[in-house]
Structure formats: C-alpha cells, structure tokens
N, C-alpha and C. Protein backbone atom coordinates (compact mmCIF):
# COMPACT_ATOMS: atom_id res chain seq x y z
N UNK A 1 74.67 92.42 78.67
CA UNK A 1 74.92 91.85 80.38
C UNK A 1 76.28 93.29 80.24
N UNK A 2 75.71 94.22 81.04
CA UNK A 2 77.21 94.96 81.71
C UNK A 2 78.38 94.05 82.33
N UNK A 3 79.53 94.96 82.40
CA UNK A 3 80.38 94.30 83.25
C UNK A 3 80.32 93.56 84.78
N UNK A 4 79.36 95.03 85.50
CA UNK A 4 79.26 94.39 86.75
C UNK A 4 78.50 93.24 86.66
N UNK A 5 77.40 92.96 86.16
CA UNK A 5 77.04 92.04 85.79
C UNK A 5 77.50 90.11 85.81
N UNK A 6 78.21 90.37 84.77
CA UNK A 6 78.89 89.56 84.25
C UNK A 6 80.07 88.92 85.18
N UNK A 7 80.56 90.17 86.14
CA UNK A 7 81.30 90.12 87.43
C UNK A 7 80.47 88.68 88.28
N UNK A 8 79.54 89.94 88.96
CA UNK A 8 78.39 88.98 89.63
C UNK A 8 78.32 87.52 89.09
N UNK A 9 77.62 87.25 88.01
CA UNK A 9 77.71 85.99 87.13
C UNK A 9 78.92 85.08 87.39
N UNK A 10 80.35 85.64 87.13
CA UNK A 10 81.58 84.83 86.93
C UNK A 10 81.89 84.02 88.31
N UNK A 11 81.63 84.82 89.41
CA UNK A 11 81.78 84.85 90.95
C UNK A 11 80.57 83.79 91.76
N UNK A 12 79.61 83.87 90.95
CA UNK A 12 78.71 83.10 91.61
C UNK A 12 79.10 81.52 92.06
N UNK A 13 79.64 80.71 91.03
CA UNK A 13 80.13 79.38 91.68
C UNK A 13 81.18 79.18 92.25
N UNK A 14 82.15 80.56 92.18
CA UNK A 14 83.29 80.40 93.25
C UNK A 14 82.49 80.69 94.61
N UNK A 15 81.68 81.44 94.76
CA UNK A 15 81.02 81.84 95.87
C UNK A 15 80.43 80.65 96.81
N UNK A 16 79.59 80.07 95.77
CA UNK A 16 79.03 78.60 96.07
C UNK A 16 80.01 77.73 96.14
N UNK A 17 80.95 77.09 95.80
CA UNK A 17 82.16 76.33 95.92
C UNK A 17 82.68 76.93 97.60
N UNK A 18 83.20 77.79 97.50
CA UNK A 18 83.57 78.58 98.72
C UNK A 18 82.93 78.11 100.09
N UNK A 19 81.73 78.69 100.10
CA UNK A 19 80.58 78.27 101.50
C UNK A 19 80.58 77.08 101.76
N UNK A 20 80.19 76.04 100.56
CA UNK A 20 79.97 74.83 100.78
C UNK A 20 81.25 74.10 101.46
N UNK A 21 82.48 74.29 100.76
CA UNK A 21 83.76 73.67 101.50
C UNK A 21 83.71 73.92 102.75
N UNK A 22 83.36 75.23 103.06
CA UNK A 22 83.77 75.98 104.19
C UNK A 22 82.72 74.91 105.42
N UNK A 23 81.24 74.88 104.69
CA UNK A 23 80.08 73.93 105.42
C UNK A 23 80.96 72.46 105.63
N UNK A 24 81.77 71.77 104.52
CA UNK A 24 82.51 70.85 104.74
C UNK A 24 83.46 70.54 105.52
N UNK A 25 84.72 71.70 105.55
CA UNK A 25 85.89 71.47 106.06
C UNK A 25 85.96 72.48 107.43
N UNK A 26 85.10 73.39 107.71
CA UNK A 26 85.72 74.49 108.28
C UNK A 26 86.43 75.42 107.67
N UNK A 27 87.15 76.25 108.62
CA UNK A 27 88.55 76.61 107.91
C UNK A 27 89.76 76.82 108.37
N UNK A 28 89.60 75.27 107.38
CA UNK A 28 90.94 74.42 108.19
C UNK A 28 92.25 75.29 106.97
N UNK A 29 91.64 76.20 106.17
CA UNK A 29 92.29 77.33 105.63
C UNK A 29 93.11 78.15 106.42
N UNK A 30 92.93 77.96 107.54
CA UNK A 30 93.35 79.23 108.85
C UNK A 30 94.77 78.69 108.83
N UNK A 31 95.25 77.66 108.71
CA UNK A 31 96.31 77.26 109.37
C UNK A 31 97.54 77.70 107.70
N UNK A 32 97.35 78.17 107.07
CA UNK A 32 98.01 78.74 105.62
C UNK A 32 98.85 79.85 106.39
N UNK A 33 99.95 80.01 105.97
CA UNK A 33 100.78 81.28 105.88
C UNK A 33 100.48 81.70 104.47
N UNK A 34 100.85 83.08 104.51
CA UNK A 34 101.10 83.21 103.19
C UNK A 34 101.85 82.90 102.32
N UNK A 35 102.82 82.24 102.45
CA UNK A 35 103.37 82.03 101.60
C UNK A 35 102.48 80.56 100.67
N UNK A 36 102.03 79.64 101.68
CA UNK A 36 101.04 78.49 101.24
C UNK A 36 100.14 79.03 100.58
N UNK A 37 99.35 80.25 100.82
CA UNK A 37 98.07 81.00 99.81
C UNK A 37 98.77 80.37 98.71
N UNK A 38 100.14 81.61 98.55
CA UNK A 38 100.98 81.71 97.26
C UNK A 38 100.88 80.74 96.60
N UNK A 39 101.72 79.36 97.03
CA UNK A 39 101.95 78.53 96.57
C UNK A 39 100.59 77.84 96.08
N UNK A 40 99.32 77.63 96.62
CA UNK A 40 98.02 77.29 96.07
C UNK A 40 97.80 77.77 95.03
N UNK A 41 98.07 79.31 94.81
CA UNK A 41 97.82 79.97 93.64
C UNK A 41 98.41 79.49 92.60
N UNK A 42 99.82 79.27 92.78
CA UNK A 42 100.29 78.99 92.00
C UNK A 42 100.36 77.83 91.12
N UNK A 43 100.20 76.72 91.89
CA UNK A 43 99.88 75.57 91.70
C UNK A 43 98.39 75.56 90.22
N UNK A 44 97.49 76.06 90.79
CA UNK A 44 96.50 76.71 89.95
C UNK A 44 97.03 77.46 88.35
N UNK A 45 97.69 78.54 88.55
CA UNK A 45 98.05 79.38 87.30
C UNK A 45 98.87 78.40 86.83
N UNK A 46 99.93 77.63 87.28
CA UNK A 46 100.62 76.54 86.70
C UNK A 46 99.63 75.86 85.97
N UNK A 47 99.08 74.70 86.56
CA UNK A 47 98.27 74.16 85.81
C UNK A 47 97.63 74.71 85.04
N UNK A 48 97.15 75.46 84.59
CA UNK A 48 96.34 76.48 83.65
C UNK A 48 97.53 76.33 82.26
N UNK A 49 98.80 77.09 82.77
CA UNK A 49 99.49 77.47 81.59
C UNK A 49 100.07 76.15 81.11
N UNK A 50 100.20 75.00 81.76
CA UNK A 50 100.20 73.99 81.12
C UNK A 50 99.39 73.21 80.25
N UNK A 51 98.19 73.49 80.37
CA UNK A 51 97.06 73.28 79.98
C UNK A 51 97.23 74.18 78.56
N UNK A 52 97.39 75.05 78.61
CA UNK A 52 97.38 76.27 77.39
C UNK A 52 98.75 75.85 76.58
N UNK A 53 99.90 75.52 77.43
CA UNK A 53 100.73 74.78 76.10
C UNK A 53 100.76 73.66 75.86
N UNK A 54 100.53 72.63 76.42
CA UNK A 54 100.24 71.53 75.79
C UNK A 54 98.92 70.95 74.96
N UNK A 55 98.31 72.12 75.13
CA UNK A 55 96.93 71.85 74.59
C UNK A 55 95.86 70.50 74.51
N UNK A 56 96.37 69.95 76.01
CA UNK A 56 95.34 68.87 76.51
C UNK A 56 95.72 68.91 78.04
N UNK A 57 94.59 68.20 78.55
CA UNK A 57 94.87 67.79 80.23
C UNK A 57 94.06 66.42 80.30
N UNK A 58 94.82 65.73 81.78
CA UNK A 58 94.14 64.50 81.94
C UNK A 58 93.84 64.52 83.48
N UNK A 59 93.40 65.72 84.00
CA UNK A 59 92.28 65.28 85.13
C UNK A 59 91.51 66.35 84.61
N UNK A 60 90.08 65.89 85.04
CA UNK A 60 88.81 66.26 84.82
C UNK A 60 88.56 67.96 84.55
N UNK A 61 89.18 68.28 85.84
CA UNK A 61 88.96 69.67 86.19
C UNK A 61 89.25 70.65 85.47
N UNK A 62 88.72 71.46 84.83
CA UNK A 62 89.05 72.41 83.80
C UNK A 62 89.60 73.47 84.00
N UNK A 63 90.04 74.24 83.16
CA UNK A 63 90.87 75.97 83.52
C UNK A 63 89.62 76.68 84.17
N UNK A 64 88.55 76.72 83.86
CA UNK A 64 87.24 76.90 84.94
C UNK A 64 87.49 77.10 86.24
N UNK A 65 87.24 75.77 86.54
CA UNK A 65 87.49 75.69 88.10
C UNK A 65 89.01 75.80 89.02
N UNK A 66 90.14 76.13 87.77
CA UNK A 66 91.02 76.56 88.50
C UNK A 66 91.42 78.00 88.35
N UNK A 67 90.52 78.45 87.19
CA UNK A 67 90.42 80.10 87.57
C UNK A 67 89.68 80.25 88.95
N UNK A 68 88.47 79.63 88.70
CA UNK A 68 87.93 79.68 90.57
C UNK A 68 88.57 79.70 91.79
N UNK A 69 89.22 78.60 91.40
CA UNK A 69 90.15 78.19 92.22
C UNK A 69 91.20 79.37 93.20
N UNK A 70 91.94 79.87 92.05
CA UNK A 70 92.12 81.39 91.90
C UNK A 70 92.22 82.55 93.14
N UNK A 71 90.88 82.61 92.68
CA UNK A 71 89.48 83.40 92.73
C UNK A 71 89.70 83.48 94.37
N UNK A 72 89.19 82.09 94.88
CA UNK A 72 89.00 81.80 95.74
C UNK A 72 90.33 82.33 97.17
N UNK A 73 91.40 81.10 96.17
CA UNK A 73 92.62 81.26 97.29
C UNK A 73 92.97 82.64 97.42
N UNK A 74 92.56 83.49 96.69
CA UNK A 74 93.31 85.45 96.85
C UNK A 74 92.39 85.72 98.07
N UNK A 75 91.06 85.18 97.91
CA UNK A 75 90.47 85.85 98.93
C UNK A 75 90.82 85.14 100.81
N UNK A 76 90.82 84.07 100.46
CA UNK A 76 91.73 83.30 101.62
C UNK A 76 93.00 84.25 102.03
N UNK A 77 93.49 84.32 100.83
CA UNK A 77 94.73 85.27 101.66
C UNK A 77 94.44 86.18 102.34
N UNK A 78 93.65 87.48 101.50
CA UNK A 78 92.99 88.46 102.20
C UNK A 78 92.68 88.26 103.49
N UNK A 79 91.75 87.27 103.88
CA UNK A 79 90.96 87.05 105.02
C UNK A 79 92.41 87.20 106.25
N UNK A 80 93.22 85.52 105.81
CA UNK A 80 94.06 85.75 106.46
C UNK A 80 95.19 87.07 106.64
N UNK A 81 95.37 87.74 105.63
CA UNK A 81 96.39 89.30 106.35
C UNK A 81 95.41 89.86 107.28
N UNK A 82 93.69 89.62 107.30
CA UNK A 82 92.90 90.53 108.35
C UNK A 82 92.89 89.90 109.66
N UNK A 83 93.29 88.87 109.38
CA UNK A 83 93.40 88.04 111.38
C UNK A 83 94.32 87.86 112.08
N UNK A 84 94.47 88.03 112.82
CA UNK A 84 95.57 88.01 113.52
C UNK A 84 95.81 86.25 113.62
N UNK A 85 97.08 85.75 114.09
CA UNK A 85 97.15 84.43 113.76
C UNK A 85 97.14 83.82 115.25
N UNK A 86 96.35 84.80 116.06
CA UNK A 86 96.73 84.12 117.29
C UNK A 86 95.39 83.87 117.60
N UNK A 87 94.59 84.89 116.85
CA UNK A 87 93.13 84.22 117.08
C UNK A 87 92.66 82.55 116.93
N UNK A 88 91.56 82.10 116.86
CA UNK A 88 90.78 81.41 116.69
C UNK A 88 91.37 80.38 115.26
N UNK A 89 91.40 79.27 115.14
CA UNK A 89 91.98 78.56 113.72
C UNK A 89 90.51 78.58 112.95
N UNK A 90 89.36 78.06 113.81
CA UNK A 90 87.98 77.73 113.00
C UNK A 90 87.22 79.28 113.10
N UNK A 91 86.36 79.55 112.14
CA UNK A 91 85.73 80.75 112.27
C UNK A 91 84.31 80.21 111.56
N UNK A 92 83.09 80.93 112.35
CA UNK A 92 82.07 80.48 112.23
C UNK A 92 81.63 80.52 110.53
N UNK A 93 80.72 79.84 110.00
CA UNK A 93 80.30 80.31 108.46
C UNK A 93 79.89 81.32 107.92
N UNK A 94 78.86 81.71 109.03
CA UNK A 94 78.38 83.05 108.95
C UNK A 94 79.19 84.34 108.89
N UNK A 95 80.15 84.29 109.22
CA UNK A 95 81.28 85.39 109.23
C UNK A 95 82.14 85.10 107.99
N UNK A 96 82.86 83.72 107.78
CA UNK A 96 83.46 83.76 106.61
C UNK A 96 82.48 84.32 105.66
N UNK A 97 81.19 83.63 105.36
CA UNK A 97 80.26 84.74 104.24
C UNK A 97 80.08 86.13 104.35
N UNK A 98 80.57 86.27 105.43
CA UNK A 98 80.12 88.11 105.28
C UNK A 98 81.69 88.63 104.98
N UNK A 99 82.59 87.95 105.34
CA UNK A 99 84.53 88.34 105.43
C UNK A 99 84.44 88.17 103.28
N UNK A 100 84.28 87.07 102.83
CA UNK A 100 83.82 86.57 101.23
C UNK A 100 83.22 87.82 100.90
N UNK A 101 82.01 88.55 101.27
CA UNK A 101 81.60 88.73 100.74
C UNK A 101 81.93 90.67 100.41
N UNK A 102 82.34 90.77 101.84
CA UNK A 102 83.63 92.14 101.65
C UNK A 102 84.73 92.44 100.60
N UNK A 103 85.08 90.98 100.61
CA UNK A 103 86.58 91.24 99.63
C UNK A 103 86.20 91.00 98.56
N UNK A 104 85.18 90.39 98.10
CA UNK A 104 84.12 90.29 96.35
C UNK A 104 83.71 91.95 96.25
N UNK A 105 83.05 92.59 97.28
CA UNK A 105 82.77 93.93 96.90
C UNK A 105 83.91 94.76 96.89
N UNK A 106 84.83 94.93 97.61
CA UNK A 106 86.19 95.54 97.55
C UNK A 106 86.64 95.13 95.89
N UNK A 107 86.94 93.89 95.50
CA UNK A 107 87.44 93.82 94.37
C UNK A 107 86.82 94.32 93.55
N UNK A 108 85.64 94.23 93.59
CA UNK A 108 85.13 94.36 92.45
C UNK A 108 84.68 96.06 91.67
N UNK A 109 84.78 96.93 93.07
CA UNK A 109 85.14 98.38 93.47
C UNK A 109 86.26 98.41 92.47
N UNK A 110 87.49 98.08 92.89
CA UNK A 110 88.46 98.34 92.14
C UNK A 110 88.36 97.89 90.89
N UNK A 111 88.00 96.83 90.19
CA UNK A 111 87.42 96.52 89.01
C UNK A 111 86.66 97.87 88.56
N UNK A 112 85.90 97.95 88.75
CA UNK A 112 85.29 99.06 88.21
C UNK A 112 85.98 100.44 88.27
N UNK A 113 86.74 101.07 89.13
CA UNK A 113 87.73 101.87 89.27
C UNK A 113 88.60 101.67 88.11
N UNK A 114 89.29 100.66 87.66
CA UNK A 114 90.10 100.71 86.65
C UNK A 114 90.00 100.49 85.40
N UNK A 115 88.45 99.90 85.59
CA UNK A 115 88.02 99.63 83.91
C UNK A 115 87.10 101.21 83.77
N UNK A 116 86.90 101.91 84.40
CA UNK A 116 86.80 103.26 84.62
C UNK A 116 88.18 103.99 83.51
N UNK A 117 89.15 103.60 84.62
CA UNK A 117 90.44 104.35 83.77
C UNK A 117 91.48 103.75 82.59
N UNK A 118 91.02 102.38 82.33
CA UNK A 118 91.55 101.38 81.57
C UNK A 118 90.81 101.21 80.53
N UNK A 119 89.60 101.53 80.31
CA UNK A 119 89.00 101.55 79.11
C UNK A 119 88.33 100.26 79.09
N UNK A 120 88.37 99.32 79.98
CA UNK A 120 88.30 97.82 79.99
C UNK A 120 89.17 97.16 78.60
N UNK A 121 90.30 97.11 78.82
CA UNK A 121 91.39 97.08 77.83
C UNK A 121 91.43 95.34 78.10
N UNK A 122 91.03 94.71 79.48
CA UNK A 122 91.25 93.33 79.55
C UNK A 122 90.33 92.86 78.56
N UNK A 123 89.59 92.99 77.75
CA UNK A 123 88.98 92.14 76.97
C UNK A 123 89.24 91.96 75.96
N UNK A 124 90.39 92.77 75.45
CA UNK A 124 91.28 92.35 74.31
C UNK A 124 92.52 91.90 74.26
N UNK A 125 92.50 90.99 75.86
CA UNK A 125 93.81 90.34 76.53
C UNK A 125 93.72 88.81 76.03
N UNK A 126 94.68 87.95 76.10
CA UNK A 126 94.42 87.01 75.94
C UNK A 126 94.27 85.90 77.49
N UNK A 127 93.80 84.66 77.21
CA UNK A 127 93.71 84.22 78.93
C UNK A 127 95.20 83.55 79.00
N UNK A 128 96.34 83.46 78.02
CA UNK A 128 97.43 83.43 78.89
C UNK A 128 98.19 84.33 79.62
N UNK A 129 97.82 85.87 79.06
CA UNK A 129 97.85 86.80 79.54
C UNK A 129 97.70 87.18 81.11
N UNK A 130 96.41 86.86 81.27
CA UNK A 130 96.01 86.91 82.65
C UNK A 130 96.78 85.86 83.65
N UNK A 131 96.74 84.65 82.87
CA UNK A 131 97.89 83.66 83.52
C UNK A 131 99.21 84.33 84.12
N UNK A 132 99.92 84.77 83.38
CA UNK A 132 101.04 85.40 82.99
C UNK A 132 101.16 86.34 84.06
N UNK A 133 100.37 87.48 83.99
CA UNK A 133 99.80 88.50 85.44
C UNK A 133 99.82 87.91 86.51
N UNK A 134 99.26 86.78 86.83
CA UNK A 134 98.91 86.43 88.16
C UNK A 134 99.87 85.51 88.65
N UNK A 135 101.10 84.80 87.62
CA UNK A 135 102.32 84.40 88.21
C UNK A 135 103.00 85.27 88.58
N UNK A 136 103.09 86.43 87.52
CA UNK A 136 104.06 87.95 88.13
C UNK A 136 103.95 88.36 89.77
N UNK A 137 102.35 88.66 89.59
CA UNK A 137 101.91 88.97 90.86
C UNK A 137 102.26 87.71 92.38
N UNK A 138 102.09 86.52 91.65
CA UNK A 138 103.10 85.78 92.74
C UNK A 138 104.32 86.24 93.45
N UNK A 139 104.81 86.15 92.19
CA UNK A 139 106.33 86.43 92.10
C UNK A 139 106.86 88.05 93.18
N UNK A 140 105.63 89.09 93.32
CA UNK A 140 105.95 89.95 93.53
C UNK A 140 105.60 89.64 94.95
N UNK A 141 104.50 88.83 95.24
CA UNK A 141 104.28 88.42 96.72
C UNK A 141 105.49 87.95 97.24
N UNK A 142 106.22 86.73 96.28
CA UNK A 142 107.22 85.96 97.36
C UNK A 142 108.56 87.11 97.75
N UNK A 143 108.70 87.99 96.85
CA UNK A 143 109.84 89.11 96.97
C UNK A 143 109.58 90.05 98.17
N UNK A 144 108.14 90.13 98.16
CA UNK A 144 107.47 91.11 99.38
C UNK A 144 107.79 90.16 101.01
N UNK A 145 107.52 89.11 100.93
CA UNK A 145 107.55 88.10 102.03
C UNK A 145 109.19 88.21 102.44
N UNK A 146 109.84 88.10 101.18
CA UNK A 146 111.89 87.98 101.37
C UNK A 146 112.22 89.43 101.72
N UNK A 147 111.04 90.61 101.75
CA UNK A 147 111.71 91.60 102.23
C UNK A 147 110.94 91.68 103.44
N UNK A 148 110.49 90.84 104.30
CA UNK A 148 110.02 91.06 105.50
C UNK A 148 108.45 92.23 105.52
N UNK A 149 107.86 91.98 104.37
CA UNK A 149 106.74 92.44 104.36
C UNK A 149 106.93 94.53 103.99
N UNK A 150 108.38 94.67 103.84
CA UNK A 150 108.27 96.06 103.72
C UNK A 150 108.81 96.32 101.94
N UNK A 151 107.79 97.54 101.39
CA UNK A 151 107.89 98.05 100.14
C UNK A 151 108.62 99.36 100.53
N UNK A 152 108.69 99.86 99.15
CA UNK A 152 109.45 101.34 99.39
C UNK A 152 108.45 102.24 98.72
N UNK A 153 107.92 101.58 97.14
CA UNK A 153 107.06 101.89 96.72
C UNK A 153 105.82 101.54 96.27
N UNK A 154 106.14 100.07 96.14
CA UNK A 154 105.20 99.43 95.00
C UNK A 154 103.48 99.03 96.29
N UNK A 155 102.86 98.64 96.01
CA UNK A 155 101.80 98.22 96.82
C UNK A 155 102.17 96.82 97.47
N UNK A 156 101.23 96.66 98.49
CA UNK A 156 101.47 95.37 99.67
C UNK A 156 100.68 93.94 98.94
N UNK A 157 100.72 92.94 99.83
CA UNK A 157 100.35 91.94 99.51
C UNK A 157 98.69 91.60 98.81
N UNK A 158 98.10 92.17 99.96
CA UNK A 158 96.38 92.57 99.42
C UNK A 158 96.13 93.08 98.28
N UNK A 159 97.08 94.19 97.71
CA UNK A 159 96.65 94.91 96.16
C UNK A 159 97.24 93.51 95.30
N UNK A 160 98.08 93.17 95.47
CA UNK A 160 98.34 91.71 94.57
C UNK A 160 96.85 90.78 94.63
N UNK A 161 97.19 90.33 95.64
CA UNK A 161 95.54 89.34 95.39
C UNK A 161 94.37 89.82 94.97
N UNK A 162 93.76 91.57 95.67
CA UNK A 162 93.12 91.84 94.57
C UNK A 162 92.87 91.53 93.25
N UNK A 163 94.32 92.29 92.30
CA UNK A 163 94.68 92.26 91.28
C UNK A 163 94.50 90.91 90.29
N UNK A 164 95.16 89.85 91.29
CA UNK A 164 94.70 88.23 90.87
C UNK A 164 92.97 87.90 91.17
N UNK A 165 92.06 88.39 92.14
CA UNK A 165 90.89 88.08 91.72
C UNK A 165 90.43 88.60 90.51
N UNK A 166 90.86 89.79 90.36
CA UNK A 166 90.15 90.34 88.74
C UNK A 166 90.43 89.88 87.40
N UNK A 167 91.70 89.30 87.96
CA UNK A 167 92.44 88.67 86.50
C UNK A 167 91.38 87.49 86.02
N UNK A 168 91.36 86.67 87.52
CA UNK A 168 90.81 85.28 87.18
C UNK A 168 89.02 85.46 86.72
N UNK A 169 88.21 86.69 86.99
CA UNK A 169 86.92 86.99 86.47
C UNK A 169 87.18 87.18 85.34
N UNK A 170 87.86 88.02 84.97
CA UNK A 170 88.07 88.81 83.67
C UNK A 170 88.46 87.44 82.52
N UNK A 171 89.15 86.41 83.05
CA UNK A 171 89.41 85.11 81.74
C UNK A 171 87.93 84.16 82.26
N UNK A 172 87.55 84.21 83.56
CA UNK A 172 85.97 83.43 83.41
C UNK A 172 85.30 84.26 82.57
N UNK A 173 84.60 85.60 82.58
CA UNK A 173 84.07 86.13 82.05
C UNK A 173 84.44 86.04 80.17
N UNK A 174 85.27 86.17 79.93
CA UNK A 174 86.25 86.16 78.25
C UNK A 174 85.58 84.65 77.72
N UNK A 175 86.13 83.18 78.98
CA UNK A 175 86.01 81.78 78.69
C UNK A 175 84.03 82.26 78.30
N UNK A 176 83.20 82.59 78.78
CA UNK A 176 81.80 82.43 79.22
C UNK A 176 81.28 83.13 77.99
N UNK A 177 82.26 83.94 77.47
CA UNK A 177 81.75 84.78 75.97
C UNK A 177 82.09 83.98 74.88
N UNK A 178 83.29 82.82 75.46
CA UNK A 178 83.85 82.22 73.97
C UNK A 178 85.01 82.04 73.26
N UNK A 179 85.95 83.51 74.25
CA UNK A 179 87.21 83.82 74.25
C UNK A 179 88.03 82.95 74.67
N UNK A 180 88.24 81.78 74.61
CA UNK A 180 89.16 80.50 75.48
C UNK A 180 90.31 81.37 75.07
N UNK A 181 91.27 81.50 74.45
CA UNK A 181 92.42 81.65 74.54
C UNK A 181 93.33 82.54 72.55
N UNK A 182 94.03 83.12 72.70
CA UNK A 182 94.41 83.84 71.34
C UNK A 182 95.62 82.83 70.62
C-alpha cells in the first residue's frame, strides 16, 4: 500500500466517528473558541504521552482513538476558523461532511507535498516524537492567540492544525504497521 492509500485507510475511522457523532450531537462543538479546541487536543496528546511514559493505561480507549481524536479536533479547529462566530450554531450534517472532506483533502495534499520534499522522513520517527510535535504546535497556537493572531514570520493557526492532522495520521499508519513506539 502506498502512503496515499495508507492515509485514506488511517482516516476512515476518524471520518466515520466524526460523522456519527455529528448525527448524534449535532454541531455542539460550534461553541468552542480556538483555545477550547487547543485544550481538547492537548488533553488527548497529554494522555498519549502519559501512557507512553507510564507504559500502562487505566481507561479502555487506547492511543489509536486519541490520535483519531486529535485529527478530528484539528478539523473542528479549521472549520471554526472558516466560520464567522455570529453564524448559526448548528450546521447541517451534509455541510459538515463537505467541510470535513475539504479539510482532509487539503491536509492530504500538504502531506503529499511535504513527503516529496522530506522523503517520507516521518517513517523513521517515533510515536513519541509525533506527540511532542503536536504538543509544540499547540503551544505555538497558544502564543499566536496571546499575540492576538498576529505573526511576524510564522505560519498561522491553520497551518498548525494541518500539521497536527498529518502527525496524527503518520502515527496511525505506523501503529497499523506494528511500529508502536521507539
């Protein structure tokens, strides 16, 4: 299987869970501000890191579901950036699906371009590194928020969300290949 196919396979469950939760709960996540989305991703990344360090877990949901959650919350963050907060809180499921698929398409395209330039270096990385990179991206977003959204030379919040999506997918692909951690 090539990377593009592995990517699609890795996000299949992410998408399925996201759309089912949208059918169950609607778009209740529309109330989240950027910092709230960042905190939700932080909770998931921090849990993965804790499990990695303690080498045990006491809650059934495993690392895979946490990486999938990171992927989905990053999409929520991206959708929130696109929508004016004054618009309706609820979005129709078909619109959510369309927006979700657009974000996945953009993230996958970014991954493909970076893989070209970096030679798929991520395949040699550890799961721990992906978590650390996600945590660093979250700190960057918090700093951008502190700076009122202004950056001098750095990418914006959206670029950090896209990177987190791809780090989560890379971890999911490597887990599926049996490369859990280094």
